[in-house]
Amino acid sequence: MIIVAIVSVAVVSTMPPLGAEWLLAMVWGIFIGGTLLVFLPSKVLITIVGGLFGVGVVDLTGAAKIVESFAKAVANIIKTINSALAGEVVLHAAPVWVFFVFVFVCCLPAYRSEQ
């Protein structure tokens, strides 16, 4: 975690804000997803990831509803953080999606270990 924090500080101090936001979303997504993969048993991880993302695969008509509700949650998170920061920093929705995608991709090997 210390390395990720050092990389985060270096990225913020050397890159433009929007690029740093995207890169940090990727780095932290990989870190969180990798941590979940290493420390959680694969059955627990499959249950969590499957509950969040797998429902839409089974019911493709419900996938739009899941994405819509997830988008609303992301919008609420961003709105809350932006209001707490009082306009000093503005977060964008796309890097939040990138973060969740990287967490999901890092958790995929748990499915392979169950076969």
PDB file of N, CA and C in Angstrom:
ATOM      1  N   MET A   1       0.822  -1.186   0.000  1.00  0.00           N
ATOM      2  CA  MET A   1       0.000   0.000   0.000  1.00  0.00           C
ATOM      3  C   MET A   1       0.872   1.258   0.000  1.00  0.00           C
ATOM      4  N   ILE A   2       2.001   1.171   0.643  1.00  0.00           N
ATOM      5  CA  ILE A   2       2.889   2.327   0.686  1.00  0.00           C
ATOM      6  C   ILE A   2       3.374   2.676  -0.716  1.00  0.00           C
ATOM      7  N   ILE A   3       3.676   1.644  -1.506  1.00  0.00           N
ATOM      8  CA  ILE A   3       4.125   1.891  -2.879  1.00  0.00           C
ATOM      9  C   ILE A   3       3.024   2.552  -3.692  1.00  0.00           C
ATOM     10  N   VAL A   4       1.793   2.079  -3.528  1.00  0.00           N
ATOM     11  CA  VAL A   4       0.667   2.672  -4.258  1.00  0.00           C
ATOM     12  C   VAL A   4       0.466   4.118  -3.828  1.00  0.00           C
ATOM     13  N   ALA A   5       0.612   4.402  -2.539  1.00  0.00           N
ATOM     14  CA  ALA A   5       0.480   5.778  -2.062  1.00  0.00           C
ATOM     15  C   ALA A   5       1.586   6.668  -2.625  1.00  0.00           C
ATOM     16  N   ILE A   6       2.805   6.157  -2.679  1.00  0.00           N
ATOM     17  CA  ILE A   6       3.915   6.941  -3.240  1.00  0.00           C
ATOM     18  C   ILE A   6       3.686   7.199  -4.722  1.00  0.00           C
ATOM     19  N   VAL A   7       3.247   6.166  -5.444  1.00  0.00           N
ATOM     20  CA  VAL A   7       2.936   6.343  -6.871  1.00  0.00           C
ATOM     21  C   VAL A   7       1.824   7.369  -7.046  1.00  0.00           C
ATOM     22  N   SER A   8       0.823   7.331  -6.168  1.00  0.00           N
ATOM     23  CA  SER A   8      -0.284   8.288  -6.250  1.00  0.00           C
ATOM     24  C   SER A   8       0.206   9.718  -6.087  1.00  0.00           C
ATOM     25  N   VAL A   9       1.057   9.950  -5.109  1.00  0.00           N
ATOM     26  CA  VAL A   9       1.596  11.294  -4.885  1.00  0.00           C
ATOM     27  C   VAL A   9       2.439  11.734  -6.074  1.00  0.00           C
ATOM     28  N   ALA A  10       3.255  10.834  -6.606  1.00  0.00           N
ATOM     29  CA  ALA A  10       4.094  11.171  -7.761  1.00  0.00           C
ATOM     30  C   ALA A  10       3.248  11.494  -8.982  1.00  0.00           C
ATOM     31  N   VAL A  11       2.192  10.735  -9.196  1.00  0.00           N
ATOM     32  CA  VAL A  11       1.314  10.966 -10.351  1.00  0.00           C
ATOM     33  C   VAL A  11       0.612  12.306 -10.225  1.00  0.00           C
ATOM     34  N   VAL A  12       0.101  12.598  -9.045  1.00  0.00           N
ATOM     35  CA  VAL A  12      -0.626  13.857  -8.843  1.00  0.00           C
ATOM     36  C   VAL A  12       0.291  15.054  -9.032  1.00  0.00           C
ATOM     37  N   SER A  13       1.530  14.935  -8.625  1.00  0.00           N
ATOM     38  CA  SER A  13       2.432  16.082  -8.716  1.00  0.00           C
ATOM     39  C   SER A  13       3.043  16.262 -10.101  1.00  0.00           C
ATOM     40  N   THR A  14       2.995  15.240 -10.955  1.00  0.00           N
ATOM     41  CA  THR A  14       3.653  15.355 -12.256  1.00  0.00           C
ATOM     42  C   THR A  14       2.712  15.379 -13.454  1.00  0.00           C
ATOM     43  N   MET A  15       1.481  14.960 -13.292  1.00  0.00           N
ATOM     44  CA  MET A  15       0.565  14.866 -14.434  1.00  0.00           C
ATOM     45  C   MET A  15      -0.521  15.925 -14.369  1.00  0.00           C
ATOM     46  N   PRO A  16      -1.165  16.204 -15.510  1.00  0.00           N
ATOM     47  CA  PRO A  16      -2.348  17.061 -15.481  1.00  0.00           C
ATOM     48  C   PRO A  16      -3.468  16.374 -14.693  1.00  0.00           C
ATOM     49  N   PRO A  17      -4.372  17.138 -14.105  1.00  0.00           N
ATOM     50  CA  PRO A  17      -5.379  16.559 -13.203  1.00  0.00           C
ATOM     51  C   PRO A  17      -6.231  15.446 -13.815  1.00  0.00           C
ATOM     52  N   LEU A  18      -6.730  15.636 -15.031  1.00  0.00           N
ATOM     53  CA  LEU A  18      -7.605  14.617 -15.608  1.00  0.00           C
ATOM     54  C   LEU A  18      -6.837  13.328 -15.898  1.00  0.00           C
ATOM     55  N   GLY A  19      -5.626  13.444 -16.404  1.00  0.00           N
ATOM     56  CA  GLY A  19      -4.800  12.260 -16.640  1.00  0.00           C
ATOM     57  C   GLY A  19      -4.457  11.545 -15.352  1.00  0.00           C
ATOM     58  N   ALA A  20      -4.174  12.320 -14.321  1.00  0.00           N
ATOM     59  CA  ALA A  20      -3.871  11.725 -13.017  1.00  0.00           C
ATOM     60  C   ALA A  20      -5.087  10.990 -12.467  1.00  0.00           C
ATOM     61  N   GLU A  21      -6.263  11.563 -12.673  1.00  0.00           N
ATOM     62  CA  GLU A  21      -7.487  10.933 -12.187  1.00  0.00           C
ATOM     63  C   GLU A  21      -7.696   9.568 -12.852  1.00  0.00           C
ATOM     64  N   TRP A  22      -7.473   9.505 -14.165  1.00  0.00           N
ATOM     65  CA  TRP A  22      -7.612   8.242 -14.898  1.00  0.00           C
ATOM     66  C   TRP A  22      -6.557   7.232 -14.447  1.00  0.00           C
ATOM     67  N   LEU A  23      -5.315   7.664 -14.356  1.00  0.00           N
ATOM     68  CA  LEU A  23      -4.236   6.754 -13.980  1.00  0.00           C
ATOM     69  C   LEU A  23      -4.403   6.247 -12.549  1.00  0.00           C
ATOM     70  N   LEU A  24      -4.807   7.127 -11.651  1.00  0.00           N
ATOM     71  CA  LEU A  24      -5.018   6.702 -10.267  1.00  0.00           C
ATOM     72  C   LEU A  24      -6.191   5.740 -10.153  1.00  0.00           C
ATOM     73  N   ALA A  25      -7.227   5.938 -10.961  1.00  0.00           N
ATOM     74  CA  ALA A  25      -8.352   4.997 -10.965  1.00  0.00           C
ATOM     75  C   ALA A  25      -7.873   3.607 -11.369  1.00  0.00           C
ATOM     76  N   MET A  26      -6.997   3.557 -12.373  1.00  0.00           N
ATOM     77  CA  MET A  26      -6.453   2.264 -12.811  1.00  0.00           C
ATOM     78  C   MET A  26      -5.561   1.644 -11.735  1.00  0.00           C
ATOM     79  N   VAL A  27      -4.647   2.440 -11.179  1.00  0.00           N
ATOM     80  CA  VAL A  27      -3.701   1.925 -10.180  1.00  0.00           C
ATOM     81  C   VAL A  27      -4.440   1.427  -8.943  1.00  0.00           C
ATOM     82  N   TRP A  28      -5.375   2.221  -8.434  1.00  0.00           N
ATOM     83  CA  TRP A  28      -6.100   1.813  -7.240  1.00  0.00           C
ATOM     84  C   TRP A  28      -7.057   0.664  -7.527  1.00  0.00           C
ATOM     85  N   GLY A  29      -7.625   0.608  -8.726  1.00  0.00           N
ATOM     86  CA  GLY A  29      -8.465  -0.530  -9.097  1.00  0.00           C
ATOM     87  C   GLY A  29      -7.677  -1.827  -9.103  1.00  0.00           C
ATOM     88  N   ILE A  30      -6.466  -1.775  -9.673  1.00  0.00           N
ATOM     89  CA  ILE A  30      -5.603  -2.958  -9.684  1.00  0.00           C
ATOM     90  C   ILE A  30      -5.190  -3.330  -8.258  1.00  0.00           C
ATOM     91  N   PHE A  31      -4.866  -2.330  -7.441  1.00  0.00           N
ATOM     92  CA  PHE A  31      -4.444  -2.596  -6.063  1.00  0.00           C
ATOM     93  C   PHE A  31      -5.579  -3.218  -5.245  1.00  0.00           C
ATOM     94  N   ILE A  32      -6.770  -2.624  -5.303  1.00  0.00           N
ATOM     95  CA  ILE A  32      -7.910  -3.142  -4.530  1.00  0.00           C
ATOM     96  C   ILE A  32      -8.314  -4.522  -5.049  1.00  0.00           C
ATOM     97  N   GLY A  33      -8.429  -4.660  -6.374  1.00  0.00           N
ATOM     98  CA  GLY A  33      -8.797  -5.957  -6.944  1.00  0.00           C
ATOM     99  C   GLY A  33      -7.778  -7.036  -6.627  1.00  0.00           C
ATOM    100  N   GLY A  34      -6.496  -6.697  -6.735  1.00  0.00           N
ATOM    101  CA  GLY A  34      -5.446  -7.660  -6.402  1.00  0.00           C
ATOM    102  C   GLY A  34      -5.456  -8.039  -4.935  1.00  0.00           C
ATOM    103  N   THR A  35      -5.703  -7.061  -4.077  1.00  0.00           N
ATOM    104  CA  THR A  35      -5.780  -7.333  -2.642  1.00  0.00           C
ATOM    105  C   THR A  35      -6.946  -8.260  -2.330  1.00  0.00           C
ATOM    106  N   LEU A  36      -8.098  -7.994  -2.943  1.00  0.00           N
ATOM    107  CA  LEU A  36      -9.247  -8.881  -2.744  1.00  0.00           C
ATOM    108  C   LEU A  36      -8.929 -10.293  -3.223  1.00  0.00           C
ATOM    109  N   LEU A  37      -8.271 -10.397  -4.367  1.00  0.00           N
ATOM    110  CA  LEU A  37      -7.940 -11.704  -4.932  1.00  0.00           C
ATOM    111  C   LEU A  37      -6.985 -12.484  -4.033  1.00  0.00           C
ATOM    112  N   VAL A  38      -6.024 -11.794  -3.437  1.00  0.00           N
ATOM    113  CA  VAL A  38      -5.026 -12.472  -2.609  1.00  0.00           C
ATOM    114  C   VAL A  38      -5.585 -12.855  -1.239  1.00  0.00           C
ATOM    115  N   PHE A  39      -6.368 -11.970  -0.626  1.00  0.00           N
ATOM    116  CA  PHE A  39      -6.745 -12.184   0.765  1.00  0.00           C
ATOM    117  C   PHE A  39      -8.111 -12.818   0.980  1.00  0.00           C
ATOM    118  N   LEU A  40      -9.011 -12.750   0.018  1.00  0.00           N
ATOM    119  CA  LEU A  40     -10.325 -13.361   0.197  1.00  0.00           C
ATOM    120  C   LEU A  40     -10.349 -14.746  -0.435  1.00  0.00           C
ATOM    121  N   PRO A  41     -11.027 -15.688   0.212  1.00  0.00           N
ATOM    122  CA  PRO A  41     -11.193 -16.999  -0.428  1.00  0.00           C
ATOM    123  C   PRO A  41     -11.960 -16.838  -1.747  1.00  0.00           C
ATOM    124  N   SER A  42     -11.656 -17.696  -2.704  1.00  0.00           N
ATOM    125  CA  SER A  42     -12.243 -17.532  -4.031  1.00  0.00           C
ATOM    126  C   SER A  42     -13.765 -17.635  -4.010  1.00  0.00           C
ATOM    127  N   LYS A  43     -14.340 -18.452  -3.136  1.00  0.00           N
ATOM    128  CA  LYS A  43     -15.803 -18.570  -3.081  1.00  0.00           C
ATOM    129  C   LYS A  43     -16.446 -17.268  -2.608  1.00  0.00           C
ATOM    130  N   VAL A  44     -15.832 -16.618  -1.651  1.00  0.00           N
ATOM    131  CA  VAL A  44     -16.355 -15.334  -1.172  1.00  0.00           C
ATOM    132  C   VAL A  44     -16.234 -14.280  -2.265  1.00  0.00           C
ATOM    133  N   LEU A  45     -15.098 -14.258  -2.936  1.00  0.00           N
ATOM    134  CA  LEU A  45     -14.872 -13.290  -4.007  1.00  0.00           C
ATOM    135  C   LEU A  45     -15.835 -13.519  -5.161  1.00  0.00           C
ATOM    136  N   ILE A  46     -16.069 -14.778  -5.520  1.00  0.00           N
ATOM    137  CA  ILE A  46     -17.016 -15.094  -6.587  1.00  0.00           C
ATOM    138  C   ILE A  46     -18.418 -14.648  -6.193  1.00  0.00           C
ATOM    139  N   THR A  47     -18.778 -14.819  -4.936  1.00  0.00           N
ATOM    140  CA  THR A  47     -20.092 -14.389  -4.473  1.00  0.00           C
ATOM    141  C   THR A  47     -20.243 -12.879  -4.570  1.00  0.00           C
ATOM    142  N   ILE A  48     -19.231 -12.148  -4.141  1.00  0.00           N
ATOM    143  CA  ILE A  48     -19.292 -10.683  -4.186  1.00  0.00           C
ATOM    144  C   ILE A  48     -19.319 -10.184  -5.620  1.00  0.00           C
ATOM    145  N   VAL A  49     -18.363 -10.613  -6.426  1.00  0.00           N
ATOM    146  CA  VAL A  49     -18.277 -10.146  -7.814  1.00  0.00           C
ATOM    147  C   VAL A  49     -19.473 -10.640  -8.612  1.00  0.00           C
ATOM    148  N   GLY A  50     -19.863 -11.881  -8.391  1.00  0.00           N
ATOM    149  CA  GLY A  50     -21.030 -12.417  -9.090  1.00  0.00           C
ATOM    150  C   GLY A  50     -22.303 -11.685  -8.724  1.00  0.00           C
ATOM    151  N   GLY A  51     -22.424 -11.312  -7.462  1.00  0.00           N
ATOM    152  CA  GLY A  51     -23.602 -10.555  -7.046  1.00  0.00           C
ATOM    153  C   GLY A  51     -23.660  -9.176  -7.661  1.00  0.00           C
ATOM    154  N   LEU A  52     -22.505  -8.547  -7.815  1.00  0.00           N
ATOM    155  CA  LEU A  52     -22.478  -7.196  -8.378  1.00  0.00           C
ATOM    156  C   LEU A  52     -22.580  -7.184  -9.896  1.00  0.00           C
ATOM    157  N   PHE A  53     -21.856  -8.092 -10.552  1.00  0.00           N
ATOM    158  CA  PHE A  53     -21.745  -8.039 -12.008  1.00  0.00           C
ATOM    159  C   PHE A  53     -22.425  -9.201 -12.728  1.00  0.00           C
ATOM    160  N   GLY A  54     -22.512 -10.346 -12.100  1.00  0.00           N
ATOM    161  CA  GLY A  54     -22.993 -11.537 -12.783  1.00  0.00           C
ATOM    162  C   GLY A  54     -24.479 -11.593 -13.027  1.00  0.00           C
ATOM    163  N   VAL A  55     -25.256 -10.842 -12.290  1.00  0.00           N
ATOM    164  CA  VAL A  55     -26.700 -10.870 -12.449  1.00  0.00           C
ATOM    165  C   VAL A  55     -27.101 -10.410 -13.843  1.00  0.00           C
ATOM    166  N   GLY A  56     -26.420  -9.431 -14.367  1.00  0.00           N
ATOM    167  CA  GLY A  56     -26.749  -8.903 -15.691  1.00  0.00           C
ATOM    168  C   GLY A  56     -26.478  -9.884 -16.806  1.00  0.00           C
ATOM    169  N   VAL A  57     -25.544 -10.815 -16.619  1.00  0.00           N
ATOM    170  CA  VAL A  57     -25.240 -11.797 -17.655  1.00  0.00           C
ATOM    171  C   VAL A  57     -26.378 -12.803 -17.778  1.00  0.00           C
ATOM    172  N   VAL A  58     -26.961 -13.189 -16.656  1.00  0.00           N
ATOM    173  CA  VAL A  58     -28.046 -14.158 -16.674  1.00  0.00           C
ATOM    174  C   VAL A  58     -29.299 -13.552 -17.288  1.00  0.00           C
ATOM    175  N   ASP A  59     -29.608 -12.346 -16.938  1.00  0.00           N
ATOM    176  CA  ASP A  59     -30.812 -11.677 -17.411  1.00  0.00           C
ATOM    177  C   ASP A  59     -30.399 -10.455 -18.223  1.00  0.00           C
ATOM    178  N   LEU A  60     -30.233 -10.645 -19.529  1.00  0.00           N
ATOM    179  CA  LEU A  60     -29.736  -9.550 -20.363  1.00  0.00           C
ATOM    180  C   LEU A  60     -30.698  -8.371 -20.416  1.00  0.00           C
ATOM    181  N   THR A  61     -32.003  -8.626 -20.266  1.00  0.00           N
ATOM    182  CA  THR A  61     -32.938  -7.501 -20.247  1.00  0.00           C
ATOM    183  C   THR A  61     -32.782  -6.699 -18.966  1.00  0.00           C
ATOM    184  N   GLY A  62     -32.362  -7.354 -17.899  1.00  0.00           N
ATOM    185  CA  GLY A  62     -32.145  -6.653 -16.640  1.00  0.00           C
ATOM    186  C   GLY A  62     -30.792  -5.976 -16.562  1.00  0.00           C
ATOM    187  N   ALA A  63     -29.930  -6.249 -17.534  1.00  0.00           N
ATOM    188  CA  ALA A  63     -28.590  -5.658 -17.515  1.00  0.00           C
ATOM    189  C   ALA A  63     -28.653  -4.142 -17.602  1.00  0.00           C
ATOM    190  N   ALA A  64     -29.570  -3.635 -18.412  1.00  0.00           N
ATOM    191  CA  ALA A  64     -29.707  -2.182 -18.538  1.00  0.00           C
ATOM    192  C   ALA A  64     -30.118  -1.562 -17.209  1.00  0.00           C
ATOM    193  N   LYS A  65     -30.991  -2.231 -16.493  1.00  0.00           N
ATOM    194  CA  LYS A  65     -31.418  -1.717 -15.189  1.00  0.00           C
ATOM    195  C   LYS A  65     -30.261  -1.725 -14.193  1.00  0.00           C
ATOM    196  N   ILE A  66     -29.444  -2.767 -14.253  1.00  0.00           N
ATOM    197  CA  ILE A  66     -28.302  -2.856 -13.344  1.00  0.00           C
ATOM    198  C   ILE A  66     -27.301  -1.753 -13.644  1.00  0.00           C
ATOM    199  N   VAL A  67     -27.007  -1.549 -14.926  1.00  0.00           N
ATOM    200  CA  VAL A  67     -26.072  -0.489 -15.312  1.00  0.00           C
ATOM    201  C   VAL A  67     -26.634   0.871 -14.925  1.00  0.00           C
ATOM    202  N   GLU A  68     -27.940   1.049 -15.119  1.00  0.00           N
ATOM    203  CA  GLU A  68     -28.570   2.327 -14.766  1.00  0.00           C
ATOM    204  C   GLU A  68     -28.497   2.582 -13.266  1.00  0.00           C
ATOM    205  N   SER A  69     -28.792   1.572 -12.454  1.00  0.00           N
ATOM    206  CA  SER A  69     -28.729   1.769 -11.002  1.00  0.00           C
ATOM    207  C   SER A  69     -27.289   1.963 -10.538  1.00  0.00           C
ATOM    208  N   PHE A  70     -26.347   1.271 -11.184  1.00  0.00           N
ATOM    209  CA  PHE A  70     -24.933   1.445 -10.859  1.00  0.00           C
ATOM    210  C   PHE A  70     -24.481   2.853 -11.227  1.00  0.00           C
ATOM    211  N   ALA A  71     -24.953   3.353 -12.377  1.00  0.00           N
ATOM    212  CA  ALA A  71     -24.609   4.716 -12.798  1.00  0.00           C
ATOM    213  C   ALA A  71     -25.162   5.744 -11.814  1.00  0.00           C
ATOM    214  N   LYS A  72     -26.362   5.501 -11.298  1.00  0.00           N
ATOM    215  CA  LYS A  72     -26.933   6.409 -10.300  1.00  0.00           C
ATOM    216  C   LYS A  72     -26.093   6.407  -9.024  1.00  0.00           C
ATOM    217  N   ALA A  73     -25.640   5.215  -8.619  1.00  0.00           N
ATOM    218  CA  ALA A  73     -24.803   5.131  -7.423  1.00  0.00           C
ATOM    219  C   ALA A  73     -23.488   5.865  -7.631  1.00  0.00           C
ATOM    220  N   VAL A  74     -22.876   5.702  -8.811  1.00  0.00           N
ATOM    221  CA  VAL A  74     -21.630   6.409  -9.121  1.00  0.00           C
ATOM    222  C   VAL A  74     -21.863   7.911  -9.103  1.00  0.00           C
ATOM    223  N   ALA A  75     -22.975   8.355  -9.689  1.00  0.00           N
ATOM    224  CA  ALA A  75     -23.290   9.788  -9.704  1.00  0.00           C
ATOM    225  C   ALA A  75     -23.472  10.327  -8.288  1.00  0.00           C
ATOM    226  N   ASN A  76     -24.130   9.563  -7.427  1.00  0.00           N
ATOM    227  CA  ASN A  76     -24.312  10.000  -6.040  1.00  0.00           C
ATOM    228  C   ASN A  76     -22.986  10.060  -5.288  1.00  0.00           C
ATOM    229  N   ILE A  77     -22.115   9.085  -5.528  1.00  0.00           N
ATOM    230  CA  ILE A  77     -20.795   9.095  -4.883  1.00  0.00           C
ATOM    231  C   ILE A  77     -20.012  10.329  -5.306  1.00  0.00           C
ATOM    232  N   ILE A  78     -20.001  10.593  -6.609  1.00  0.00           N
ATOM    233  CA  ILE A  78     -19.260  11.746  -7.130  1.00  0.00           C
ATOM    234  C   ILE A  78     -19.848  13.047  -6.605  1.00  0.00           C
ATOM    235  N   LYS A  79     -21.179  13.135  -6.564  1.00  0.00           N
ATOM    236  CA  LYS A  79     -21.837  14.349  -6.060  1.00  0.00           C
ATOM    237  C   LYS A  79     -21.468  14.586  -4.595  1.00  0.00           C
ATOM    238  N   THR A  80     -21.475  13.538  -3.797  1.00  0.00           N
ATOM    239  CA  THR A  80     -21.141  13.666  -2.379  1.00  0.00           C
ATOM    240  C   THR A  80     -19.691  14.094  -2.183  1.00  0.00           C
ATOM    241  N   ILE A  81     -18.779  13.459  -2.920  1.00  0.00           N
ATOM    242  CA  ILE A  81     -17.358  13.812  -2.784  1.00  0.00           C
ATOM    243  C   ILE A  81     -17.105  15.231  -3.266  1.00  0.00           C
ATOM    244  N   ASN A  82     -17.691  15.602  -4.407  1.00  0.00           N
ATOM    245  CA  ASN A  82     -17.488  16.954  -4.933  1.00  0.00           C
ATOM    246  C   ASN A  82     -18.043  18.017  -3.991  1.00  0.00           C
ATOM    247  N   SER A  83     -19.196  17.745  -3.360  1.00  0.00           N
ATOM    248  CA  SER A  83     -19.742  18.734  -2.429  1.00  0.00           C
ATOM    249  C   SER A  83     -18.906  18.809  -1.154  1.00  0.00           C
ATOM    250  N   ALA A  84     -18.334  17.679  -0.731  1.00  0.00           N
ATOM    251  CA  ALA A  84     -17.485  17.692   0.463  1.00  0.00           C
ATOM    252  C   ALA A  84     -16.183  18.447   0.219  1.00  0.00           C
ATOM    253  N   LEU A  85     -15.701  18.408  -1.015  1.00  0.00           N
ATOM    254  CA  LEU A  85     -14.455  19.104  -1.341  1.00  0.00           C
ATOM    255  C   LEU A  85     -14.676  20.577  -1.655  1.00  0.00           C
ATOM    256  N   ALA A  86     -15.904  21.009  -1.676  1.00  0.00           N
ATOM    257  CA  ALA A  86     -16.274  22.423  -1.875  1.00  0.00           C
ATOM    258  C   ALA A  86     -15.697  23.005  -3.161  1.00  0.00           C
ATOM    259  N   GLY A  87     -15.692  22.213  -4.212  1.00  0.00           N
ATOM    260  CA  GLY A  87     -15.269  22.720  -5.513  1.00  0.00           C
ATOM    261  C   GLY A  87     -13.774  22.805  -5.722  1.00  0.00           C
ATOM    262  N   GLU A  88     -12.975  22.429  -4.728  1.00  0.00           N
ATOM    263  CA  GLU A  88     -11.519  22.476  -4.895  1.00  0.00           C
ATOM    264  C   GLU A  88     -11.046  21.439  -5.909  1.00  0.00           C
ATOM    265  N   VAL A  89     -11.682  20.280  -5.884  1.00  0.00           N
ATOM    266  CA  VAL A  89     -11.358  19.200  -6.810  1.00  0.00           C
ATOM    267  C   VAL A  89     -12.667  18.694  -7.394  1.00  0.00           C
ATOM    268  N   VAL A  90     -12.692  18.455  -8.685  1.00  0.00           N
ATOM    269  CA  VAL A  90     -13.894  17.935  -9.330  1.00  0.00           C
ATOM    270  C   VAL A  90     -13.593  16.531  -9.839  1.00  0.00           C
ATOM    271  N   LEU A  91     -14.387  15.570  -9.385  1.00  0.00           N
ATOM    272  CA  LEU A  91     -14.233  14.199  -9.860  1.00  0.00           C
ATOM    273  C   LEU A  91     -15.157  13.966 -11.041  1.00  0.00           C
ATOM    274  N   HIS A  92     -14.719  13.133 -11.979  1.00  0.00           N
ATOM    275  CA  HIS A  92     -15.506  12.803 -13.156  1.00  0.00           C
ATOM    276  C   HIS A  92     -15.997  11.365 -13.043  1.00  0.00           C
ATOM    277  N   ALA A  93     -17.079  11.048 -13.742  1.00  0.00           N
ATOM    278  CA  ALA A  93     -17.692   9.722 -13.630  1.00  0.00           C
ATOM    279  C   ALA A  93     -16.882   8.632 -14.321  1.00  0.00           C
ATOM    280  N   ALA A  94     -16.276   8.933 -15.454  1.00  0.00           N
ATOM    281  CA  ALA A  94     -15.585   7.895 -16.231  1.00  0.00           C
ATOM    282  C   ALA A  94     -14.451   7.209 -15.454  1.00  0.00           C
ATOM    283  N   PRO A  95     -13.602   7.934 -14.735  1.00  0.00           N
ATOM    284  CA  PRO A  95     -12.565   7.229 -13.963  1.00  0.00           C
ATOM    285  C   PRO A  95     -13.131   6.326 -12.861  1.00  0.00           C
ATOM    286  N   VAL A  96     -14.294   6.662 -12.336  1.00  0.00           N
ATOM    287  CA  VAL A  96     -14.916   5.790 -11.331  1.00  0.00           C
ATOM    288  C   VAL A  96     -15.297   4.462 -11.981  1.00  0.00           C
ATOM    289  N   TRP A  97     -15.849   4.538 -13.199  1.00  0.00           N
ATOM    290  CA  TRP A  97     -16.165   3.321 -13.944  1.00  0.00           C
ATOM    291  C   TRP A  97     -14.894   2.523 -14.220  1.00  0.00           C
ATOM    292  N   VAL A  98     -13.825   3.205 -14.597  1.00  0.00           N
ATOM    293  CA  VAL A  98     -12.545   2.533 -14.868  1.00  0.00           C
ATOM    294  C   VAL A  98     -12.054   1.813 -13.616  1.00  0.00           C
ATOM    295  N   PHE A  99     -12.185   2.453 -12.461  1.00  0.00           N
ATOM    296  CA  PHE A  99     -11.794   1.833 -11.195  1.00  0.00           C
ATOM    297  C   PHE A  99     -12.544   0.518 -10.988  1.00  0.00           C
ATOM    298  N   PHE A 100     -13.872   0.548 -11.142  1.00  0.00           N
ATOM    299  CA  PHE A 100     -14.666  -0.659 -10.925  1.00  0.00           C
ATOM    300  C   PHE A 100     -14.352  -1.742 -11.952  1.00  0.00           C
ATOM    301  N   VAL A 101     -14.082  -1.361 -13.190  1.00  0.00           N
ATOM    302  CA  VAL A 101     -13.719  -2.342 -14.219  1.00  0.00           C
ATOM    303  C   VAL A 101     -12.395  -3.016 -13.859  1.00  0.00           C
ATOM    304  N   PHE A 102     -11.419  -2.246 -13.412  1.00  0.00           N
ATOM    305  CA  PHE A 102     -10.128  -2.834 -13.047  1.00  0.00           C
ATOM    306  C   PHE A 102     -10.249  -3.728 -11.816  1.00  0.00           C
ATOM    307  N   VAL A 103     -11.080  -3.355 -10.857  1.00  0.00           N
ATOM    308  CA  VAL A 103     -11.315  -4.235  -9.704  1.00  0.00           C
ATOM    309  C   VAL A 103     -11.921  -5.549 -10.190  1.00  0.00           C
ATOM    310  N   PHE A 104     -12.914  -5.455 -11.074  1.00  0.00           N
ATOM    311  CA  PHE A 104     -13.580  -6.646 -11.609  1.00  0.00           C
ATOM    312  C   PHE A 104     -12.602  -7.537 -12.372  1.00  0.00           C
ATOM    313  N   VAL A 105     -11.802  -6.943 -13.237  1.00  0.00           N
ATOM    314  CA  VAL A 105     -10.847  -7.720 -14.037  1.00  0.00           C
ATOM    315  C   VAL A 105      -9.814  -8.407 -13.142  1.00  0.00           C
ATOM    316  N   CYS A 106      -9.376  -7.732 -12.100  1.00  0.00           N
ATOM    317  CA  CYS A 106      -8.405  -8.345 -11.188  1.00  0.00           C
ATOM    318  C   CYS A 106      -9.015  -9.502 -10.402  1.00  0.00           C
ATOM    319  N   CYS A 107     -10.330  -9.509 -10.236  1.00  0.00           N
ATOM    320  CA  CYS A 107     -10.995 -10.576  -9.490  1.00  0.00           C
ATOM    321  C   CYS A 107     -11.346 -11.780 -10.368  1.00  0.00           C
ATOM    322  N   LEU A 108     -11.220 -11.667 -11.676  1.00  0.00           N
ATOM    323  CA  LEU A 108     -11.581 -12.767 -12.572  1.00  0.00           C
ATOM    324  C   LEU A 108     -10.805 -14.063 -12.332  1.00  0.00           C
ATOM    325  N   PRO A 109      -9.524 -14.030 -11.974  1.00  0.00           N
ATOM    326  CA  PRO A 109      -8.827 -15.309 -11.732  1.00  0.00           C
ATOM    327  C   PRO A 109      -9.454 -16.160 -10.632  1.00  0.00           C
ATOM    328  N   ALA A 110     -10.244 -15.593  -9.753  1.00  0.00           N
ATOM    329  CA  ALA A 110     -10.920 -16.383  -8.722  1.00  0.00           C
ATOM    330  C   ALA A 110     -11.889 -17.371  -9.356  1.00  0.00           C
ATOM    331  N   TYR A 111     -12.474 -17.013 -10.482  1.00  0.00           N
ATOM    332  CA  TYR A 111     -13.379 -17.925 -11.171  1.00  0.00           C
ATOM    333  C   TYR A 111     -12.625 -19.122 -11.736  1.00  0.00           C
ATOM    334  N   ARG A 112     -11.423 -18.906 -12.176  1.00  0.00           N
ATOM    335  CA  ARG A 112     -10.625 -19.976 -12.772  1.00  0.00           C
ATOM    336  C   ARG A 112     -10.219 -21.011 -11.721  1.00  0.00           C
ATOM    337  N   SER A 113      -9.964 -20.580 -10.512  1.00  0.00           N
ATOM    338  CA  SER A 113      -9.507 -21.498  -9.470  1.00  0.00           C
ATOM    339  C   SER A 113     -10.617 -22.416  -8.973  1.00  0.00           C
ATOM    340  N   GLU A 114     -11.865 -22.084  -9.272  1.00  0.00           N
ATOM    341  CA  GLU A 114     -12.981 -22.900  -8.803  1.00  0.00           C
ATOM    342  C   GLU A 114     -13.276 -24.082  -9.715  1.00  0.00           C
ATOM    343  N   GLN A 115     -12.702 -24.143 -10.902  1.00  0.00           N
ATOM    344  CA  GLN A 115     -13.034 -25.221 -11.844  1.00  0.00           C
ATOM    345  C   GLN A 115     -12.244 -26.462 -11.604  1.00  0.00           C
TER     346      GLN A 115
END
